Amino acid sequence: MKYRKDKYGNEISALGYGCMRFPQTLGKINKEKTEQQIMMAIDGGVNYFDTAYMYPGSESVLGEILEKNHVRDKVKIATKLPHYLIKSYEGLEKLFNEQLRRLRTNHIDYYLMHMLSDIQTWEKLKSLGIEEWLASKKEAGIIGQIGFSYHGNSDMFCKLVDAYDWDFCQIQYNYMDEHSQAGRKGLNHAYDKGLAVIIMEPLRGGKLVSHLPEDAKRIFASHPVKRTPAQWAFRWLWDQPEVTCVLSGMNSEEMVIDNMTTASGTNVGELTSEDKEMLQNVVDAINSKMKVGCTGCGYCLPCPANVDIPGTFAAYNRKFTESRLWGPIEYLINTAMRKDSTAASNCIGCGKCEKHCPQYIPIRQELKNAQKHLEGPIYKVFRKLLSIFDLF
């Protein structure tokens, strides 16, 4: 495993374990598989594990596995404060103590403000005493380093970097988002300020692997150097010295092995001009087909009208990037063939989803667009028949 250093010279594995997408069985985290994969990663040198209070079951399962296998001292735990739930100083303390109990630890190595959106939000937290609280925890050794995770544009990101003496930050960054989100501008600004930069969504929620248009697949296949799309995406990130650690939401042993192998075999500055040109051609091919820039993170859920927003956008994009047939079929299966419909046409236009979308997608309008393309006559007939015969 290769390692890169944080603000204080501590070594962080180039590959970090994203704990948002643990393997599941029947809608619940499969603890046995999760334990196997986490221990495989630790044995392979991965030492940075990223979770959050709002990831269902994640903190508790991670804490249980680390305690059971006596490996807490081998890893660095990063978790996040859901500041949007905090109304008082007392509430802050209560929630943090709950996180310590879940994680079965007496300290958090890296603590983030989860989805810190703007300066106004930070000022509100300051009015509740967040700076004093963080300082006391850091002085006592209960929190090691302080950071924030961010979705949004580069200008606001740079302002937030300058608003406090942060130790690290976490941004969405990949070859598709080089000039969106915090982007390369934000990455460089944080690096210049001495912050460790943790990367999330390196594959855009898997879209840069499983939902590539055929043109993009052909570009990868025709390049003289043969690597998988995932390997290229990770190598593009690790090629940059400003990147400290790249998170991957690994949920299979094969994924853990492949990502560790790629991390161990990648050095800064390895990509050639031909490699970079090839990846730019892939970007152009994807952009020419993609309808909605949804990563499938699920922050828009739950929807009051039960719309499966990420599922709808996945099928919508798939129709135009992969298959004009399988996109609508996927949508039919995932929305109509359920006891309670999750169709885009259920949308009541409340806008709750848009307030939480880290990609700032105009979800209500895009749901209307998706509905036009996915809920044609055949879909409506099937949905009506399913309703009449109460098959689900």
Protein backbone atom coordinates (compact mmCIF):
# COMPACT_ATOMS: atom_id res chain seq x y z
CA MET A 1 0.00 0.00 0.00
CA LYS A 2 1.23 3.51 -0.79
CA TYR A 3 0.82 6.23 1.84
CA ARG A 4 0.56 10.00 1.73
CA LYS A 5 0.94 12.43 4.62
CA ASP A 6 -1.62 14.67 6.29
CA LYS A 7 -1.06 18.15 7.69
CA TYR A 8 0.92 16.80 10.67
CA GLY A 9 2.95 14.20 8.83
CA ASN A 10 0.80 11.19 9.71
CA GLU A 11 0.64 8.54 7.01
CA ILE A 12 -2.76 7.91 5.40
CA SER A 13 -3.25 5.05 2.97
CA ALA A 14 -3.72 6.29 -0.59
CA LEU A 15 -6.85 4.12 -0.70
CA GLY A 16 -9.46 4.83 1.95
CA TYR A 17 -12.44 2.64 2.84
CA GLY A 18 -15.76 4.40 2.28
CA CYS A 19 -18.29 2.94 4.70
CA MET A 20 -21.48 4.26 3.12
CA ARG A 21 -22.13 1.23 0.90
CA PHE A 22 -21.43 -1.88 2.98
CA PRO A 23 -22.72 -5.11 1.36
CA GLN A 24 -26.34 -5.78 2.21
CA THR A 25 -28.69 -8.74 2.40
CA LEU A 26 -32.45 -8.16 2.40
CA GLY A 27 -31.95 -4.46 3.04
CA LYS A 28 -29.64 -4.88 6.03
CA ILE A 29 -25.86 -4.68 6.31
CA ASN A 30 -24.35 -8.13 5.91
CA LYS A 31 -21.96 -8.09 8.88
CA GLU A 32 -20.12 -11.27 7.90
CA LYS A 33 -19.24 -10.05 4.41
CA THR A 34 -18.47 -6.57 5.69
CA GLU A 35 -16.10 -7.96 8.31
CA GLN A 36 -14.29 -10.11 5.74
CA GLN A 37 -13.78 -7.16 3.42
CA ILE A 38 -12.74 -4.70 6.13
CA MET A 39 -10.19 -7.12 7.56
CA MET A 40 -8.88 -7.87 4.08
CA ALA A 41 -8.40 -4.13 3.55
CA ILE A 42 -6.66 -3.65 6.92
CA ASP A 43 -4.37 -6.61 6.23
CA GLY A 44 -3.58 -4.97 2.88
CA GLY A 45 -2.53 -1.72 4.52
CA VAL A 46 -5.70 0.39 4.27
CA ASN A 47 -5.82 2.52 7.42
CA TYR A 48 -8.42 5.24 6.70
CA PHE A 49 -12.09 4.39 7.26
CA ASP A 50 -14.74 7.00 6.48
CA THR A 51 -18.23 6.75 7.97
CA ALA A 52 -20.94 9.17 9.14
CA TYR A 53 -23.71 9.50 11.69
CA MET A 54 -26.25 9.56 8.85
CA TYR A 55 -25.08 6.35 7.11
CA PRO A 56 -27.64 3.80 8.40
CA GLY A 57 -25.92 1.27 10.65
CA SER A 58 -22.44 2.15 9.40
CA GLU A 59 -20.84 3.57 12.54
CA SER A 60 -22.15 0.73 14.72
CA VAL A 61 -21.04 -2.03 12.36
CA LEU A 62 -17.61 -0.49 11.85
CA GLY A 63 -17.12 -0.10 15.60
CA GLU A 64 -18.22 -3.67 16.28
CA ILE A 65 -15.82 -5.11 13.69
CA LEU A 66 -12.83 -3.08 14.84
CA GLU A 67 -13.45 -4.03 18.49
CA LYS A 68 -14.05 -7.71 17.74
CA ASN A 69 -10.80 -8.03 15.80
CA HIS A 70 -8.74 -5.82 18.15
CA VAL A 71 -7.60 -3.53 15.32
CA ARG A 72 -8.76 -0.11 16.48
CA ASP A 73 -5.17 1.02 16.92
CA LYS A 74 -4.33 0.03 13.33
CA VAL A 75 -6.82 2.37 11.69
CA LYS A 76 -7.87 5.99 11.57
CA ILE A 77 -11.60 6.57 11.93
CA ALA A 78 -13.16 9.49 10.11
CA THR A 79 -16.77 10.30 10.89
CA LYS A 80 -19.03 13.29 10.46
CA LEU A 81 -21.14 15.65 12.52
CA PRO A 82 -24.64 16.13 11.05
CA HIS A 83 -24.55 19.82 11.93
CA TYR A 84 -27.97 20.33 10.34
CA LEU A 85 -29.44 18.40 13.29
CA ILE A 86 -27.70 20.48 15.93
CA LYS A 87 -29.75 23.14 17.73
CA SER A 88 -27.63 23.68 20.85
CA TYR A 89 -24.25 23.13 22.48
CA GLU A 90 -25.80 20.40 24.63
CA GLY A 91 -27.18 18.69 21.55
CA LEU A 92 -23.73 18.73 20.00
CA GLU A 93 -22.22 16.98 22.99
CA LYS A 94 -25.01 14.42 23.19
CA LEU A 95 -24.74 13.45 19.52
CA PHE A 96 -20.94 13.18 19.62
CA ASN A 97 -21.08 10.88 22.64
CA GLU A 98 -23.55 8.71 20.77
CA GLN A 99 -21.04 8.43 17.92
CA LEU A 100 -18.31 7.36 20.35
CA ARG A 101 -20.62 4.66 21.71
CA ARG A 102 -21.54 3.46 18.23
CA LEU A 103 -17.90 3.30 17.17
CA ARG A 104 -16.83 1.71 20.48
CA THR A 105 -13.93 4.10 20.84
CA ASN A 106 -12.78 6.94 23.10
CA HIS A 107 -11.55 9.16 20.28
CA ILE A 108 -12.18 10.09 16.66
CA ASP A 109 -9.08 10.54 14.50
CA TYR A 110 -10.66 12.72 11.81
CA TYR A 111 -13.91 14.59 12.48
CA LEU A 112 -15.79 16.39 9.72
CA MET A 113 -18.64 18.85 9.48
CA HIS A 114 -20.90 16.82 7.19
CA MET A 115 -21.87 18.57 3.95
CA LEU A 116 -20.89 22.05 5.10
CA SER A 117 -22.58 24.14 2.45
CA ASP A 118 -21.66 27.79 2.88
CA ILE A 119 -20.22 30.51 5.12
CA GLN A 120 -23.64 31.29 6.58
CA THR A 121 -23.97 27.74 7.85
CA TRP A 122 -20.52 27.91 9.42
CA GLU A 123 -21.38 31.22 11.09
CA LYS A 124 -24.50 29.62 12.55
CA LEU A 125 -22.40 26.80 13.98
CA LYS A 126 -19.99 29.32 15.44
CA SER A 127 -22.88 31.02 17.21
CA LEU A 128 -23.64 27.70 18.91
CA GLY A 129 -20.07 27.46 20.18
CA ILE A 130 -18.66 24.95 17.68
CA GLU A 131 -15.16 26.50 17.66
CA GLU A 132 -14.79 26.29 21.43
CA TRP A 133 -16.23 22.78 21.49
CA LEU A 134 -13.85 21.53 18.78
CA ALA A 135 -10.87 23.17 20.48
CA SER A 136 -11.68 21.47 23.80
CA LYS A 137 -12.06 18.05 22.17
CA LYS A 138 -8.85 18.47 20.22
CA GLU A 139 -6.91 19.60 23.29
CA ALA A 140 -8.19 16.58 25.23
CA GLY A 141 -7.19 14.22 22.40
CA ILE A 142 -10.78 13.10 21.88
CA ILE A 143 -10.74 14.49 18.34
CA GLY A 144 -7.51 14.27 16.37
CA GLN A 145 -8.08 16.47 13.33
CA ILE A 146 -10.93 18.68 12.18
CA GLY A 147 -12.30 19.03 8.68
CA PHE A 148 -15.39 19.33 6.54
CA SER A 149 -16.97 17.54 3.61
CA TYR A 150 -18.31 19.63 0.76
CA HIS A 151 -20.51 19.50 -2.31
CA GLY A 152 -20.83 22.72 -4.25
CA ASN A 153 -18.91 25.20 -6.39
CA SER A 154 -15.22 26.03 -6.09
CA ASP A 155 -15.65 29.67 -5.03
CA MET A 156 -17.65 28.85 -1.89
CA PHE A 157 -15.33 25.94 -1.13
CA CYS A 158 -12.32 28.26 -1.15
CA LYS A 159 -14.14 30.67 1.18
CA LEU A 160 -14.85 27.84 3.62
CA VAL A 161 -11.23 26.70 3.50
CA ASP A 162 -10.20 30.22 4.53
CA ALA A 163 -12.86 30.54 7.26
CA TYR A 164 -11.18 28.32 9.88
CA ASP A 165 -7.89 26.62 10.62
CA TRP A 166 -8.96 23.26 9.19
CA ASP A 167 -6.71 20.22 9.18
CA PHE A 168 -8.29 18.46 6.21
CA CYS A 169 -11.27 18.46 3.86
CA GLN A 170 -13.25 16.02 1.76
CA ILE A 171 -14.47 16.79 -1.75
CA GLN A 172 -16.15 15.10 -4.67
CA TYR A 173 -13.51 14.92 -7.38
CA ASN A 174 -12.98 12.69 -10.42
CA TYR A 175 -12.09 13.09 -14.09
CA MET A 176 -15.67 14.14 -14.83
CA ASP A 177 -15.70 16.77 -12.05
CA GLU A 178 -12.30 18.30 -12.72
CA HIS A 179 -13.88 21.69 -13.31
CA SER A 180 -17.14 21.33 -11.37
CA GLN A 181 -17.86 20.91 -7.65
CA ALA A 182 -14.76 22.07 -5.72
CA GLY A 183 -12.79 21.05 -8.77
CA ARG A 184 -9.09 21.36 -9.43
CA LYS A 185 -9.24 25.00 -8.29
CA GLY A 186 -10.52 23.97 -4.87
CA LEU A 187 -8.15 21.01 -4.63
CA ASN A 188 -5.13 23.24 -5.28
CA HIS A 189 -6.33 25.92 -2.85
CA ALA A 190 -6.77 23.43 -0.01
CA TYR A 191 -3.40 21.83 -0.75
CA ASP A 192 -1.68 25.22 -0.80
CA LYS A 193 -3.18 25.93 2.64
CA GLY A 194 -1.65 22.72 3.95
CA LEU A 195 -4.86 20.68 4.21
CA ALA A 196 -4.98 16.97 3.54
CA VAL A 197 -7.57 16.39 0.80
CA ILE A 198 -9.75 13.29 0.94
CA ILE A 199 -11.55 12.38 -2.29
CA MET A 200 -15.08 10.99 -2.39
CA GLU A 201 -17.11 9.80 -5.41
CA PRO A 202 -14.03 8.86 -7.49
CA LEU A 203 -16.31 6.79 -9.72
CA ARG A 204 -19.39 9.02 -9.38
CA GLY A 205 -21.26 6.36 -7.45
CA GLY A 206 -20.16 3.68 -9.94
CA LYS A 207 -21.37 5.60 -12.98
CA LEU A 208 -17.83 5.77 -14.38
CA VAL A 209 -17.76 1.98 -14.44
CA SER A 210 -21.22 0.48 -14.85
CA HIS A 211 -22.99 3.20 -16.81
CA LEU A 212 -20.49 4.22 -19.45
CA PRO A 213 -21.83 4.90 -22.96
CA GLU A 214 -20.60 2.58 -25.69
CA ASP A 215 -18.46 5.34 -27.21
CA ALA A 216 -16.58 5.71 -23.93
CA LYS A 217 -16.08 1.95 -23.65
CA ARG A 218 -14.61 1.88 -27.17
CA ILE A 219 -12.18 4.68 -26.29
CA PHE A 220 -10.90 2.74 -23.29
CA ALA A 221 -10.67 -0.49 -25.32
CA SER A 222 -8.71 1.13 -28.16
CA HIS A 223 -6.07 2.72 -25.92
CA PRO A 224 -2.70 0.92 -26.10
CA VAL A 225 -2.46 0.62 -22.31
CA LYS A 226 -5.10 -1.83 -21.11
CA ARG A 227 -6.77 -1.05 -17.80
CA THR A 228 -10.33 -1.18 -16.53
CA PRO A 229 -12.37 2.04 -16.33
CA ALA A 230 -12.14 1.92 -12.52
CA GLN A 231 -8.35 1.58 -12.63
CA TRP A 232 -8.07 4.56 -14.97
CA ALA A 233 -10.32 6.67 -12.72
CA PHE A 234 -8.25 5.90 -9.62
CA ARG A 235 -4.94 6.38 -11.41
CA TRP A 236 -6.08 9.78 -12.66
CA LEU A 237 -6.56 10.82 -9.04
CA TRP A 238 -3.40 9.28 -7.60
CA ASP A 239 -1.42 10.90 -10.41
CA GLN A 240 -1.95 14.21 -8.59
CA PRO A 241 0.25 15.02 -5.57
CA GLU A 242 -2.48 17.25 -4.09
CA VAL A 243 -4.68 14.19 -3.49
CA THR A 244 -4.07 12.62 -0.07
CA CYS A 245 -6.53 9.72 0.02
CA VAL A 246 -9.19 8.36 -2.35
CA LEU A 247 -12.26 6.77 -0.77
CA SER A 248 -13.90 3.77 -2.34
CA GLY A 249 -17.23 2.36 -1.21
CA MET A 250 -16.01 -1.21 -1.57
CA ASN A 251 -18.62 -3.94 -1.15
CA SER A 252 -17.01 -7.07 -2.59
CA GLU A 253 -13.72 -8.87 -2.01
CA GLU A 254 -12.88 -8.52 -5.69
CA MET A 255 -13.28 -4.75 -5.45
CA VAL A 256 -11.06 -4.57 -2.35
CA ILE A 257 -8.31 -6.60 -4.01
CA ASP A 258 -8.43 -4.68 -7.29
CA ASN A 259 -8.42 -1.26 -5.63
CA MET A 260 -5.56 -2.18 -3.28
CA THR A 261 -3.54 -3.52 -6.21
CA THR A 262 -4.13 -0.32 -8.18
CA ALA A 263 -3.24 1.88 -5.19
CA SER A 264 -0.05 -0.06 -4.54
CA GLY A 265 1.06 0.18 -8.15
CA THR A 266 0.41 3.87 -8.83
CA ASN A 267 2.80 6.79 -8.43
CA VAL A 268 2.43 10.54 -8.86
CA GLY A 269 3.04 11.80 -12.40
CA GLU A 270 2.75 8.46 -14.19
CA LEU A 271 0.02 9.38 -16.66
CA THR A 272 1.34 10.24 -20.10
CA SER A 273 -0.02 12.99 -22.36
CA GLU A 274 -1.62 10.21 -24.42
CA ASP A 275 -3.34 8.81 -21.32
CA LYS A 276 -4.71 12.24 -20.41
CA GLU A 277 -5.94 12.85 -23.95
CA MET A 278 -7.70 9.48 -23.90
CA LEU A 279 -9.46 10.34 -20.64
CA GLN A 280 -10.55 13.71 -22.01
CA ASN A 281 -12.08 11.88 -24.97
CA VAL A 282 -13.94 9.67 -22.50
CA VAL A 283 -15.24 12.78 -20.71
CA ASP A 284 -16.50 14.20 -24.00
CA ALA A 285 -18.21 10.92 -24.87
CA ILE A 286 -19.97 10.71 -21.51
CA ASN A 287 -21.07 14.35 -21.56
CA SER A 288 -22.58 13.92 -25.00
CA LYS A 289 -24.98 11.24 -23.68
CA MET A 290 -25.64 11.99 -20.00
CA LYS A 291 -28.98 13.55 -19.12
CA VAL A 292 -28.68 14.07 -15.34
CA GLY A 293 -25.48 14.31 -13.28
CA CYS A 294 -26.85 12.18 -10.43
CA THR A 295 -24.30 10.13 -8.44
CA GLY A 296 -26.93 8.04 -6.65
CA CYS A 297 -25.84 9.27 -3.20
CA GLY A 298 -29.44 9.20 -1.90
CA TYR A 299 -29.30 12.47 0.04
CA CYS A 300 -32.54 13.48 -1.74
CA LEU A 301 -34.39 10.67 0.04
CA PRO A 302 -36.79 9.88 1.56
CA CYS A 303 -39.22 11.52 -0.82
CA PRO A 304 -42.61 12.49 0.72
CA ALA A 305 -44.30 11.15 -2.43
CA ASN A 306 -42.20 7.94 -2.45
CA VAL A 307 -40.42 8.77 -5.72
CA ASP A 308 -37.26 6.71 -6.26
CA ILE A 309 -35.26 9.72 -7.42
CA PRO A 310 -31.81 8.08 -7.87
CA GLY A 311 -33.40 5.03 -9.49
CA THR A 312 -35.36 7.20 -11.90
CA PHE A 313 -32.29 9.17 -12.96
CA ALA A 314 -30.21 5.99 -13.29
CA ALA A 315 -32.75 4.51 -15.70
CA TYR A 316 -33.10 7.84 -17.54
CA ASN A 317 -29.35 8.08 -18.05
CA ARG A 318 -29.09 4.41 -18.96
CA LYS A 319 -31.62 4.86 -21.77
CA PHE A 320 -29.37 7.41 -23.42
CA THR A 321 -25.92 6.10 -22.49
CA GLU A 322 -26.35 2.32 -22.70
CA SER A 323 -29.64 0.98 -24.00
CA ARG A 324 -32.86 2.59 -25.18
CA LEU A 325 -34.56 -0.68 -24.28
CA TRP A 326 -33.08 -1.60 -20.90
CA GLY A 327 -33.36 1.87 -19.43
CA PRO A 328 -37.19 1.85 -19.61
CA ILE A 329 -37.32 -1.80 -18.53
CA GLU A 330 -35.18 -1.02 -15.50
CA TYR A 331 -37.49 1.88 -14.70
CA LEU A 332 -40.61 -0.30 -15.02
CA ILE A 333 -39.17 -2.92 -12.67
CA ASN A 334 -37.96 -0.41 -10.10
CA THR A 335 -41.01 1.85 -9.99
CA ALA A 336 -44.17 0.11 -11.19
CA MET A 337 -43.48 -3.46 -10.13
CA ARG A 338 -43.66 -2.59 -6.44
CA LYS A 339 -46.54 -2.65 -4.03
CA ASP A 340 -46.22 1.12 -3.65
CA SER A 341 -45.26 2.90 -6.87
CA THR A 342 -42.07 4.95 -6.82
CA ALA A 343 -42.61 6.57 -10.22
CA ALA A 344 -41.49 10.06 -11.21
CA SER A 345 -45.12 10.92 -11.89
CA ASN A 346 -45.77 10.67 -8.14
CA CYS A 347 -43.80 13.89 -7.62
CA ILE A 348 -45.82 16.61 -5.89
CA GLY A 349 -43.27 19.34 -6.55
CA CYS A 350 -42.53 20.07 -2.89
CA GLY A 351 -38.83 20.67 -3.56
CA LYS A 352 -37.62 18.98 -0.37
CA CYS A 353 -35.20 16.86 -2.40
CA GLU A 354 -33.50 19.85 -4.01
CA LYS A 355 -32.57 21.30 -0.63
CA HIS A 356 -30.45 18.24 0.11
CA CYS A 357 -28.98 17.46 -3.32
CA PRO A 358 -25.17 17.89 -3.19
CA GLN A 359 -25.06 18.14 -7.00
CA TYR A 360 -27.60 21.01 -7.05
CA ILE A 361 -29.70 19.18 -9.62
CA PRO A 362 -33.08 20.80 -10.47
CA ILE A 363 -34.71 17.54 -9.48
CA ARG A 364 -38.34 18.51 -10.01
CA GLN A 365 -37.75 19.56 -13.61
CA GLU A 366 -35.54 16.57 -14.35
CA LEU A 367 -38.19 14.23 -12.97
CA LYS A 368 -40.64 15.72 -15.45
CA ASN A 369 -38.13 15.17 -18.24
CA ALA A 370 -37.54 11.60 -17.13
CA GLN A 371 -41.27 10.96 -16.91
CA LYS A 372 -41.74 12.01 -20.55
CA HIS A 373 -39.13 9.51 -21.70
CA LEU A 374 -39.85 6.62 -19.34
CA GLU A 375 -43.60 6.65 -18.71
CA GLY A 376 -44.90 6.09 -22.23
CA PRO A 377 -48.02 4.15 -23.27
CA ILE A 378 -46.48 0.72 -22.60
CA TYR A 379 -45.42 1.74 -19.10
CA LYS A 380 -48.88 3.11 -18.33
CA VAL A 381 -50.58 -0.09 -19.53
CA PHE A 382 -48.32 -2.28 -17.38
CA ARG A 383 -48.84 -0.05 -14.36
CA LYS A 384 -52.61 -0.16 -14.82
CA LEU A 385 -52.63 -3.96 -15.15
CA LEU A 386 -50.51 -4.34 -12.05
CA SER A 387 -52.94 -2.13 -10.16
CA ILE A 388 -56.04 -3.94 -11.40
CA PHE A 389 -54.76 -7.41 -10.59
CA ASP A 390 -52.96 -6.29 -7.41
CA LEU A 391 -49.95 -8.39 -8.31
CA PHE A 392 -47.58 -6.66 -5.90
